[in-house]
C-alpha atoms as a PDB file:
ATOM      1  CA  MET A   1       0.161  -0.081   0.335  1.00  0.00           C
ATOM      2  CA  SER A   2       1.191   3.394  -0.392  1.00  0.00           C
ATOM      3  CA  VAL A   3       0.165   6.793   0.074  1.00  0.00           C
ATOM      4  CA  ASN A   4      -0.615   9.817  -2.474  1.00  0.00           C
ATOM      5  CA  PRO A   5       0.791  13.120  -1.744  1.00  0.00           C
ATOM      6  CA  ALA A   6      -1.949  14.702  -4.309  1.00  0.00           C
ATOM      7  CA  ASP A   7      -4.821  13.295  -2.418  1.00  0.00           C
ATOM      8  CA  GLY A   8      -3.192  12.130   0.976  1.00  0.00           C
ATOM      9  CA  GLU A   9      -5.242   8.802   1.285  1.00  0.00           C
ATOM     10  CA  ALA A  10      -3.611   5.166   1.380  1.00  0.00           C
ATOM     11  CA  GLN A  11      -3.707   3.402  -1.773  1.00  0.00           C
ATOM     12  CA  ILE A  12      -3.816  -0.387  -3.167  1.00  0.00           C
ATOM     13  CA  VAL A  13      -2.069  -0.375  -6.560  1.00  0.00           C
ATOM     14  CA  ALA A  14      -4.613  -0.867  -8.953  1.00  0.00           C
ATOM     15  CA  PHE A  15      -4.297  -2.976 -12.213  1.00  0.00           C
ATOM     16  CA  ASP A  16      -5.780  -2.477 -15.422  1.00  0.00           C
ATOM     17  CA  HIS A  17      -7.782  -6.055 -16.318  1.00  0.00           C
ATOM     18  CA  GLY A  18      -5.312  -7.673 -14.204  1.00  0.00           C
ATOM     19  CA  ALA A  19      -2.322  -6.596 -16.496  1.00  0.00           C
ATOM     20  CA  GLU A  20      -0.536  -3.891 -16.351  1.00  0.00           C
ATOM     21  CA  PRO A  21      -0.662  -1.067 -12.838  1.00  0.00           C
ATOM     22  CA  VAL A  22      -2.691   1.486 -13.924  1.00  0.00           C
ATOM     23  CA  SER A  23      -1.040   5.125 -13.207  1.00  0.00           C
ATOM     24  CA  THR A  24      -1.971   8.596 -14.267  1.00  0.00           C
ATOM     25  CA  THR A  25      -0.030  10.517 -17.126  1.00  0.00           C
ATOM     26  CA  ASP A  26       2.498  11.523 -14.358  1.00  0.00           C
ATOM     27  CA  GLY A  27       3.229   7.907 -13.080  1.00  0.00           C
ATOM     28  CA  ARG A  28       1.027   8.410 -10.286  1.00  0.00           C
ATOM     29  CA  VAL A  29      -1.289   5.156  -8.529  1.00  0.00           C
ATOM     30  CA  PRO A  30      -5.240   6.415  -8.527  1.00  0.00           C
ATOM     31  CA  GLY A  31      -7.065   6.407  -5.697  1.00  0.00           C
ATOM     32  CA  GLU A  32     -10.636   4.437  -5.645  1.00  0.00           C
ATOM     33  CA  ARG A  33     -12.368   7.614  -7.214  1.00  0.00           C
ATOM     34  CA  GLY A  34      -9.292   8.353  -9.710  1.00  0.00           C
ATOM     35  CA  ARG A  35     -10.235   4.529 -10.692  1.00  0.00           C
ATOM     36  CA  GLN A  36     -13.700   5.166 -10.850  1.00  0.00           C
ATOM     37  CA  THR A  37     -13.207   8.525 -13.547  1.00  0.00           C
ATOM     38  CA  ARG A  38     -10.570   6.833 -15.444  1.00  0.00           C
ATOM     39  CA  GLN A  39     -13.098   3.702 -16.031  1.00  0.00           C
ATOM     40  CA  ARG A  40     -15.914   6.411 -16.432  1.00  0.00           C
ATOM     41  CA  LEU A  41     -13.612   7.722 -19.424  1.00  0.00           C
ATOM     42  CA  LEU A  42     -13.416   4.421 -20.862  1.00  0.00           C
ATOM     43  CA  ASP A  43     -16.790   4.132 -20.958  1.00  0.00           C
ATOM     44  CA  ALA A  44     -17.251   6.875 -22.661  1.00  0.00           C
ATOM     45  CA  THR A  45     -14.805   6.356 -25.829  1.00  0.00           C
ATOM     46  CA  VAL A  46     -16.718   3.163 -26.114  1.00  0.00           C
ATOM     47  CA  GLU A  47     -20.189   4.651 -25.876  1.00  0.00           C
ATOM     48  CA  LEU A  48     -18.632   7.182 -28.334  1.00  0.00           C
ATOM     49  CA  LEU A  49     -16.663   4.520 -30.755  1.00  0.00           C
ATOM     50  CA  SER A  50     -20.453   2.619 -30.924  1.00  0.00           C
ATOM     51  CA  THR A  51     -21.891   5.977 -32.769  1.00  0.00           C
ATOM     52  CA  THR A  52     -19.469   7.933 -34.242  1.00  0.00           C
ATOM     53  CA  SER A  53     -15.954   7.337 -36.615  1.00  0.00           C
ATOM     54  CA  TRP A  54     -13.401   7.226 -34.363  1.00  0.00           C
ATOM     55  CA  ARG A  55     -11.106   9.815 -36.286  1.00  0.00           C
ATOM     56  CA  SER A  56     -13.497  11.828 -35.364  1.00  0.00           C
ATOM     57  CA  VAL A  57     -14.137  11.005 -31.683  1.00  0.00           C
ATOM     58  CA  LYS A  58     -12.158  13.853 -29.453  1.00  0.00           C
ATOM     59  CA  VAL A  59     -11.568  14.535 -26.149  1.00  0.00           C
ATOM     60  CA  THR A  60     -13.728  17.115 -25.589  1.00  0.00           C
ATOM     61  CA  ASP A  61     -16.538  14.443 -26.364  1.00  0.00           C
ATOM     62  CA  ILE A  62     -15.008  11.932 -24.234  1.00  0.00           C
ATOM     63  CA  ALA A  63     -14.849  14.337 -21.212  1.00  0.00           C
ATOM     64  CA  ARG A  64     -18.282  15.613 -22.139  1.00  0.00           C
ATOM     65  CA  THR A  65     -19.833  12.000 -22.236  1.00  0.00           C
ATOM     66  CA  ALA A  66     -18.047  11.253 -18.837  1.00  0.00           C
ATOM     67  CA  ASN A  67     -19.352  14.389 -17.341  1.00  0.00           C
ATOM     68  CA  THR A  68     -15.579  15.381 -16.636  1.00  0.00           C
ATOM     69  CA  SER A  69     -13.310  17.880 -18.322  1.00  0.00           C
ATOM     70  CA  PRO A  70     -10.630  17.609 -21.097  1.00  0.00           C
ATOM     71  CA  ALA A  71      -8.081  18.036 -18.063  1.00  0.00           C
ATOM     72  CA  THR A  72      -9.295  15.124 -16.532  1.00  0.00           C
ATOM     73  CA  PHE A  73      -8.674  13.079 -19.254  1.00  0.00           C
ATOM     74  CA  TYR A  74      -4.951  13.870 -19.774  1.00  0.00           C
ATOM     75  CA  GLN A  75      -4.271  13.507 -16.250  1.00  0.00           C
ATOM     76  CA  TYR A  76      -5.030   9.533 -17.412  1.00  0.00           C
ATOM     77  CA  PHE A  77      -4.518   9.118 -21.286  1.00  0.00           C
ATOM     78  CA  THR A  78      -2.384  11.215 -23.301  1.00  0.00           C
ATOM     79  CA  ASN A  79      -4.861  11.305 -26.279  1.00  0.00           C
ATOM     80  CA  VAL A  80      -7.990   9.187 -27.597  1.00  0.00           C
ATOM     81  CA  GLU A  81      -5.604   6.881 -29.341  1.00  0.00           C
ATOM     82  CA  GLN A  82      -4.147   5.619 -26.454  1.00  0.00           C
ATOM     83  CA  ALA A  83      -7.474   5.436 -24.478  1.00  0.00           C
ATOM     84  CA  ILE A  84      -8.405   2.733 -27.280  1.00  0.00           C
ATOM     85  CA  ARG A  85      -5.651   0.817 -26.890  1.00  0.00           C
ATOM     86  CA  VAL A  86      -6.159   0.465 -23.245  1.00  0.00           C
ATOM     87  CA  LEU A  87      -9.847  -0.641 -24.212  1.00  0.00           C
ATOM     88  CA  ALA A  88      -7.841  -3.384 -27.026  1.00  0.00           C
ATOM     89  CA  GLU A  89      -5.537  -4.857 -24.580  1.00  0.00           C
ATOM     90  CA  GLY A  90      -8.808  -5.576 -22.200  1.00  0.00           C
ATOM     91  CA  MET A  91     -10.050  -7.788 -24.870  1.00  0.00           C
ATOM     92  CA  VAL A  92      -6.860  -9.928 -25.034  1.00  0.00           C
ATOM     93  CA  ASP A  93      -7.071 -10.866 -20.906  1.00  0.00           C
ATOM     94  CA  GLN A  94     -11.114 -11.276 -21.508  1.00  0.00           C
ATOM     95  CA  ALA A  95      -9.942 -14.290 -24.178  1.00  0.00           C
ATOM     96  CA  ALA A  96      -9.044 -16.063 -21.783  1.00  0.00           C
ATOM     97  CA  GLN A  97     -12.552 -16.409 -20.241  1.00  0.00           C
ATOM     98  CA  LEU A  98     -13.048 -18.242 -23.989  1.00  0.00           C
ATOM     99  CA  SER A  99      -9.861 -20.275 -23.350  1.00  0.00           C
ATOM    100  CA  ASP A 100     -11.500 -21.620 -20.149  1.00  0.00           C
ATOM    101  CA  LEU A 101     -14.680 -22.299 -21.915  1.00  0.00           C
ATOM    102  CA  LEU A 102     -12.569 -24.464 -24.160  1.00  0.00           C
ATOM    103  CA  GLY A 103     -11.098 -26.897 -21.720  1.00  0.00           C
ATOM    104  CA  GLY A 104     -14.710 -27.938 -20.544  1.00  0.00           C
ATOM    105  CA  ASP A 105     -15.765 -31.547 -21.086  1.00  0.00           C
ATOM    106  CA  TRP A 106     -15.577 -32.929 -24.671  1.00  0.00           C
ATOM    107  CA  SER A 107     -16.868 -36.237 -23.568  1.00  0.00           C
ATOM    108  CA  ALA A 108     -19.871 -37.898 -25.729  1.00  0.00           C
ATOM    109  CA  GLU A 109     -22.145 -36.916 -23.219  1.00  0.00           C
ATOM    110  CA  GLU A 110     -21.295 -33.214 -22.423  1.00  0.00           C
ATOM    111  CA  SER A 111     -19.590 -31.956 -25.939  1.00  0.00           C
ATOM    112  CA  TRP A 112     -22.615 -30.464 -27.594  1.00  0.00           C
ATOM    113  CA  GLU A 113     -23.439 -28.639 -24.462  1.00  0.00           C
ATOM    114  CA  THR A 114     -19.689 -27.420 -24.611  1.00  0.00           C
ATOM    115  CA  ALA A 115     -19.744 -26.600 -27.891  1.00  0.00           C
ATOM    116  CA  LEU A 116     -22.827 -24.567 -27.482  1.00  0.00           C
ATOM    117  CA  GLY A 117     -21.531 -22.814 -24.566  1.00  0.00           C
ATOM    118  CA  VAL A 118     -18.127 -22.186 -26.613  1.00  0.00           C
ATOM    119  CA  THR A 119     -20.056 -20.414 -29.840  1.00  0.00           C
ATOM    120  CA  GLU A 120     -22.527 -18.315 -27.051  1.00  0.00           C
ATOM    121  CA  GLY A 121     -19.374 -17.237 -25.523  1.00  0.00           C
ATOM    122  CA  PHE A 122     -17.605 -15.971 -28.283  1.00  0.00           C
ATOM    123  CA  LEU A 123     -20.579 -14.407 -29.888  1.00  0.00           C
ATOM    124  CA  SER A 124     -20.665 -12.258 -25.920  1.00  0.00           C
ATOM    125  CA  TYR A 125     -17.606 -11.653 -26.689  1.00  0.00           C
ATOM    126  CA  TRP A 126     -17.410  -9.890 -29.462  1.00  0.00           C
ATOM    127  CA  GLU A 127     -21.114  -7.996 -28.469  1.00  0.00           C
ATOM    128  CA  ASP A 128     -19.138  -6.897 -25.571  1.00  0.00           C
ATOM    129  CA  ASN A 129     -16.245  -5.502 -27.426  1.00  0.00           C
ATOM    130  CA  ARG A 130     -18.025  -4.633 -30.776  1.00  0.00           C
ATOM    131  CA  ALA A 131     -17.195  -1.182 -31.100  1.00  0.00           C
ATOM    132  CA  VAL A 132     -13.381  -1.266 -30.206  1.00  0.00           C
ATOM    133  CA  PHE A 133     -12.968  -4.776 -32.665  1.00  0.00           C
ATOM    134  CA  ARG A 134     -13.955  -2.439 -35.064  1.00  0.00           C
ATOM    135  CA  VAL A 135     -12.089  -0.103 -34.610  1.00  0.00           C
ATOM    136  CA  VAL A 136      -9.119  -2.321 -34.294  1.00  0.00           C
ATOM    137  CA  ASP A 137     -10.001  -3.773 -37.569  1.00  0.00           C
ATOM    138  CA  LEU A 138     -10.205  -0.366 -39.359  1.00  0.00           C
ATOM    139  CA  ALA A 139      -7.012   0.331 -37.768  1.00  0.00           C
ATOM    140  CA  THR A 140      -5.402  -2.577 -38.909  1.00  0.00           C
ATOM    141  CA  GLU A 141      -6.211  -2.673 -42.553  1.00  0.00           C
ATOM    142  CA  GLU A 142      -4.318   0.842 -42.374  1.00  0.00           C
ATOM    143  CA  GLY A 143      -1.277  -0.712 -41.044  1.00  0.00           C
ATOM    144  CA  ASP A 144      -1.358   0.013 -37.641  1.00  0.00           C
ATOM    145  CA  ALA A 145       1.175  -2.474 -35.937  1.00  0.00           C
ATOM    146  CA  GLN A 146       0.331  -1.762 -32.403  1.00  0.00           C
ATOM    147  CA  LEU A 147      -3.407  -2.436 -32.876  1.00  0.00           C
ATOM    148  CA  ARG A 148      -2.822  -5.239 -35.367  1.00  0.00           C
ATOM    149  CA  GLY A 149      -0.525  -7.075 -32.709  1.00  0.00           C
ATOM    150  CA  ILE A 150      -3.276  -6.617 -29.819  1.00  0.00           C
ATOM    151  CA  ARG A 151      -5.918  -8.222 -32.404  1.00  0.00           C
ATOM    152  CA  VAL A 152      -3.752 -11.234 -33.200  1.00  0.00           C
ATOM    153  CA  ARG A 153      -2.672 -11.665 -29.411  1.00  0.00           C
ATOM    154  CA  ALA A 154      -6.497 -11.879 -28.625  1.00  0.00           C
ATOM    155  CA  LEU A 155      -7.553 -14.044 -30.767  1.00  0.00           C
ATOM    156  CA  ASN A 156      -4.205 -16.321 -31.071  1.00  0.00           C
ATOM    157  CA  ALA A 157      -5.122 -16.811 -27.403  1.00  0.00           C
ATOM    158  CA  VAL A 158      -8.301 -18.410 -28.081  1.00  0.00           C
ATOM    159  CA  THR A 159      -6.528 -20.475 -31.470  1.00  0.00           C
ATOM    160  CA  ILE A 160      -4.022 -21.668 -29.626  1.00  0.00           C
ATOM    161  CA  SER A 161      -6.409 -22.965 -26.621  1.00  0.00           C
ATOM    162  CA  LEU A 162      -8.682 -24.559 -29.175  1.00  0.00           C
ATOM    163  CA  ALA A 163      -6.105 -26.263 -31.326  1.00  0.00           C
ATOM    164  CA  GLN A 164      -4.959 -27.834 -28.349  1.00  0.00           C
ATOM    165  CA  VAL A 165      -8.441 -29.408 -28.036  1.00  0.00           C
ATOM    166  CA  ILE A 166      -8.731 -30.383 -31.147  1.00  0.00           C
ATOM    167  CA  ALA A 167      -5.451 -32.575 -30.693  1.00  0.00           C
ATOM    168  CA  GLN A 168      -6.704 -34.075 -27.636  1.00  0.00           C
ATOM    169  CA  ALA A 169     -10.856 -34.901 -28.477  1.00  0.00           C
ATOM    170  CA  SER A 170     -10.204 -35.530 -31.950  1.00  0.00           C
ATOM    171  CA  PRO A 171     -11.417 -39.291 -32.795  1.00  0.00           C
ATOM    172  CA  ALA A 172      -8.814 -41.959 -31.989  1.00  0.00           C
ATOM    173  CA  PRO A 173      -6.335 -42.897 -35.332  1.00  0.00           C
ATOM    174  CA  THR A 174      -7.929 -45.328 -38.007  1.00  0.00           C
ATOM    175  CA  GLY A 175      -4.242 -45.835 -39.625  1.00  0.00           C
ATOM    176  CA  PRO A 176      -1.795 -47.806 -39.049  1.00  0.00           C
ATOM    177  CA  PRO A 177       0.076 -47.987 -35.446  1.00  0.00           C
ATOM    178  CA  GLY A 178       1.753 -44.705 -34.279  1.00  0.00           C
ATOM    179  CA  THR A 179      -0.787 -42.550 -36.662  1.00  0.00           C
ATOM    180  CA  ALA A 180      -1.596 -39.295 -35.021  1.00  0.00           C
ATOM    181  CA  THR A 181      -5.062 -38.309 -34.364  1.00  0.00           C
ATOM    182  CA  THR A 182      -6.476 -35.765 -36.546  1.00  0.00           C
ATOM    183  CA  SER A 183      -9.816 -33.947 -37.150  1.00  0.00           C
ATOM    184  CA  PRO A 184     -11.816 -34.666 -39.566  1.00  0.00           C
ATOM    185  CA  ALA A 185     -11.924 -31.199 -40.137  1.00  0.00           C
ATOM    186  CA  GLY A 186      -7.698 -31.442 -41.195  1.00  0.00           C
ATOM    187  CA  SER A 187      -4.846 -33.146 -40.124  1.00  0.00           C
ATOM    188  CA  ASP A 188      -3.212 -29.753 -38.628  1.00  0.00           C
ATOM    189  CA  PRO A 189      -5.151 -28.748 -35.667  1.00  0.00           C
ATOM    190  CA  MET A 190      -3.621 -24.971 -35.733  1.00  0.00           C
ATOM    191  CA  ALA A 191      -5.052 -25.194 -38.861  1.00  0.00           C
ATOM    192  CA  VAL A 192      -8.593 -26.246 -38.646  1.00  0.00           C
ATOM    193  CA  ALA A 193      -8.444 -24.096 -35.084  1.00  0.00           C
ATOM    194  CA  GLY A 194      -7.521 -20.660 -37.089  1.00  0.00           C
ATOM    195  CA  THR A 195     -10.188 -21.441 -39.688  1.00  0.00           C
ATOM    196  CA  LEU A 196     -12.925 -21.817 -36.941  1.00  0.00           C
ATOM    197  CA  VAL A 197     -11.797 -19.291 -34.849  1.00  0.00           C
ATOM    198  CA  ALA A 198     -11.961 -16.732 -38.202  1.00  0.00           C
ATOM    199  CA  MET A 199     -15.556 -17.710 -38.755  1.00  0.00           C
ATOM    200  CA  PHE A 200     -16.684 -16.949 -35.129  1.00  0.00           C
ATOM    201  CA  ALA A 201     -14.927 -13.625 -35.726  1.00  0.00           C
ATOM    202  CA  SER A 202     -16.688 -13.319 -39.096  1.00  0.00           C
ATOM    203  CA  ALA A 203     -19.827 -13.992 -38.231  1.00  0.00           C
ATOM    204  CA  SER A 204     -20.196 -12.180 -35.019  1.00  0.00           C
ATOM    205  CA  ALA A 205     -18.863  -8.923 -36.691  1.00  0.00           C
ATOM    206  CA  HIS A 206     -21.760  -9.603 -39.399  1.00  0.00           C
ATOM    207  CA  ARG A 207     -24.494 -10.818 -36.993  1.00  0.00           C
ATOM    208  CA  TYR A 208     -26.566  -7.751 -37.687  1.00  0.00           C
ATOM    209  CA  GLY A 209     -26.551  -8.094 -41.179  1.00  0.00           C
ATOM    210  CA  PHE A 210     -27.521 -11.820 -40.905  1.00  0.00           C
ATOM    211  CA  GLU A 211     -30.453 -10.480 -38.981  1.00  0.00           C
ATOM    212  CA  PHE A 212     -31.485  -8.320 -41.707  1.00  0.00           C
ATOM    213  CA  TRP A 213     -31.797 -10.755 -44.457  1.00  0.00           C
ATOM    214  CA  GLY A 214     -33.567 -12.606 -42.238  1.00  0.00           C
ATOM    215  CA  ILE A 215     -31.162 -15.480 -40.662  1.00  0.00           C
ATOM    216  CA  ARG A 216     -31.732 -15.459 -36.870  1.00  0.00           C
ATOM    217  CA  THR A 217     -28.805 -15.431 -34.253  1.00  0.00           C
ATOM    218  CA  ARG A 218     -30.329 -18.720 -32.818  1.00  0.00           C
ATOM    219  CA  ASN A 219     -29.887 -20.555 -35.765  1.00  0.00           C
ATOM    220  CA  LEU A 220     -26.305 -19.098 -36.804  1.00  0.00           C
ATOM    221  CA  ILE A 221     -25.038 -20.123 -33.072  1.00  0.00           C
ATOM    222  CA  ASP A 222     -26.372 -23.339 -33.681  1.00  0.00           C
ATOM    223  CA  THR A 223     -24.780 -23.643 -37.210  1.00  0.00           C
ATOM    224  CA  GLN A 224     -21.844 -22.627 -35.750  1.00  0.00           C
ATOM    225  CA  ALA A 225     -21.436 -24.750 -32.653  1.00  0.00           C
ATOM    226  CA  ARG A 226     -22.388 -27.862 -35.173  1.00  0.00           C
ATOM    227  CA  MET A 227     -19.272 -27.031 -37.202  1.00  0.00           C
ATOM    228  CA  LEU A 228     -17.331 -26.823 -33.806  1.00  0.00           C
ATOM    229  CA  HIS A 229     -18.439 -29.865 -32.565  1.00  0.00           C
ATOM    230  CA  TRP A 230     -18.003 -31.736 -35.498  1.00  0.00           C
ATOM    231  CA  ALA A 231     -14.548 -30.401 -36.147  1.00  0.00           C
ATOM    232  CA  VAL A 232     -13.358 -31.301 -32.424  1.00  0.00           C
ATOM    233  CA  THR A 233     -15.352 -34.715 -32.092  1.00  0.00           C
ATOM    234  CA  GLY A 234     -15.832 -36.232 -35.474  1.00  0.00           C
ATOM    235  CA  ARG A 235     -19.093 -36.801 -34.136  1.00  0.00           C
ATOM    236  CA  PRO A 236     -22.735 -35.078 -35.404  1.00  0.00           C
ATOM    237  CA  GLY A 237     -24.825 -32.855 -33.407  1.00  0.00           C
ATOM    238  CA  PRO A 238     -27.836 -33.305 -32.016  1.00  0.00           C
ATOM    239  CA  PRO A 239     -31.328 -33.542 -34.798  1.00  0.00           C
ATOM    240  CA  ASP A 240     -31.718 -29.768 -35.998  1.00  0.00           C
ATOM    241  CA  VAL A 241     -35.583 -29.411 -34.790  1.00  0.00           C
ATOM    242  CA  VAL A 242     -35.363 -25.916 -34.478  1.00  0.00           C
ATOM    243  CA  GLY A 243     -33.538 -24.971 -37.482  1.00  0.00           C
ATOM    244  CA  ARG A 244     -35.685 -26.502 -39.905  1.00  0.00           C
ATOM    245  CA  GLU A 245     -39.056 -25.983 -38.637  1.00  0.00           C
ATOM    246  CA  SER A 246     -40.817 -23.606 -37.345  1.00  0.00           C
ATOM    247  CA  LEU A 247     -44.406 -22.265 -35.979  1.00  0.00           C
ATOM    248  CA  ASP A 248     -46.766 -20.798 -38.670  1.00  0.00           C
ATOM    249  CA  THR A 249     -49.599 -18.564 -37.096  1.00  0.00           C
ATOM    250  CA  HIS A 250     -52.057 -21.640 -36.602  1.00  0.00           C
ATOM    251  CA  GLY A 251     -49.229 -23.272 -34.062  1.00  0.00           C
ATOM    252  CA  SER A 252     -48.620 -25.781 -36.577  1.00  0.00           C
ATOM    253  CA  ARG A 253     -44.748 -27.070 -38.192  1.00  0.00           C
ATOM    254  CA  GLU A 254     -44.039 -25.658 -41.448  1.00  0.00           C
ATOM    255  CA  ALA A 255     -40.833 -26.133 -43.483  1.00  0.00           C
ATOM    256  CA  VAL A 256     -38.561 -23.340 -43.327  1.00  0.00           C
ATOM    257  CA  ARG A 257     -38.025 -22.176 -46.805  1.00  0.00           C
ATOM    258  CA  PRO A 258     -34.921 -20.909 -48.288  1.00  0.00           C
ATOM    259  CA  ARG A 259     -34.319 -17.131 -47.913  1.00  0.00           C
ATOM    260  CA  THR A 260     -32.494 -14.776 -50.478  1.00  0.00           C
ATOM    261  CA  GLY A 261     -32.860 -11.863 -48.521  1.00  0.00           C
ATOM    262  CA  PRO A 262     -34.681  -8.346 -48.774  1.00  0.00           C
ATOM    263  CA  VAL A 263     -35.310  -7.030 -51.569  1.00  0.00           C
ATOM    264  CA  LEU A 264     -33.084  -3.746 -52.334  1.00  0.00           C
ATOM    265  CA  GLY A 265     -35.196  -0.623 -52.386  1.00  0.00           C
ATOM    266  CA  GLY A 266     -37.704  -2.373 -51.572  1.00  0.00           C
ATOM    267  CA  ALA A 267     -38.485   0.246 -48.966  1.00  0.00           C
ATOM    268  CA  VAL A 268     -38.767   3.204 -51.290  1.00  0.00           C
ATOM    269  CA  ALA A 269     -40.756   0.908 -53.977  1.00  0.00           C
ATOM    270  CA  GLY A 270     -43.265   0.716 -51.214  1.00  0.00           C
ATOM    271  CA  HIS A 271     -43.495   4.130 -50.347  1.00  0.00           C
ATOM    272  CA  ARG A 272     -44.402   4.694 -53.832  1.00  0.00           C
ATOM    273  CA  VAL A 273     -47.042   2.588 -54.344  1.00  0.00           C
ATOM    274  CA  ARG A 274     -48.786   3.912 -51.071  1.00  0.00           C
ATOM    275  CA  ARG A 275     -48.427   7.455 -52.406  1.00  0.00           C
ATOM    276  CA  SER A 276     -49.999   6.200 -55.444  1.00  0.00           C
ATOM    277  CA  ARG A 277     -53.168   5.021 -54.042  1.00  0.00           C
END
């Protein structure tokens, strides 16, 4: 415990997401009130990133949203980019929770629930960090090496954990003695894991686009969980009743017909029809 001469209170060293010690820009360790202020600034940054182009977010905007002043912002961050990097580093630490989910029970009795839990967990992870992931992806495309490295670390942690699960839980070899176990999705666990993680990331990023096209999130989760379950265990998932049937307006079941997505310009066309009547 240390005493900060600026506010005269005893303090416990704070840590940001369990990684680096939290400090102000001049090297002081903030007290509880300071940590709360810092978190409000980070929350305000996320709120603005959710609705505004990240290059348009200003320190004054963040301070106003957090009900504080720009001077207070500069006590904790040198600029908006540093606040974004702190948020991005938090994604790396949260990825460890996904690794814990992957370490669940992949036995025949529990593997489907484990696959569902991992799939739902990844979607929740992406949803919690959607605004930051969007910025990180854009900055990565523009050549920001630091944010690209953070993104790689976040997804690589999940990929390595999944590759280890695939190597351990894949079906027994059918070849001659000494043949290594292999996933039905491929012989290289890292390649299989990397492909699955890329699928999870892309599907999560486009979730609302899929919903616009009529693809329900629950069915998206079911499909991804089946791919994961098959790649890890070599076994199919349970019968897909919900995905193939739905209730019509009279409560009876009907087959779900393939969709081709919304008609482009349909809203405009509908407006014109209504005006012509």
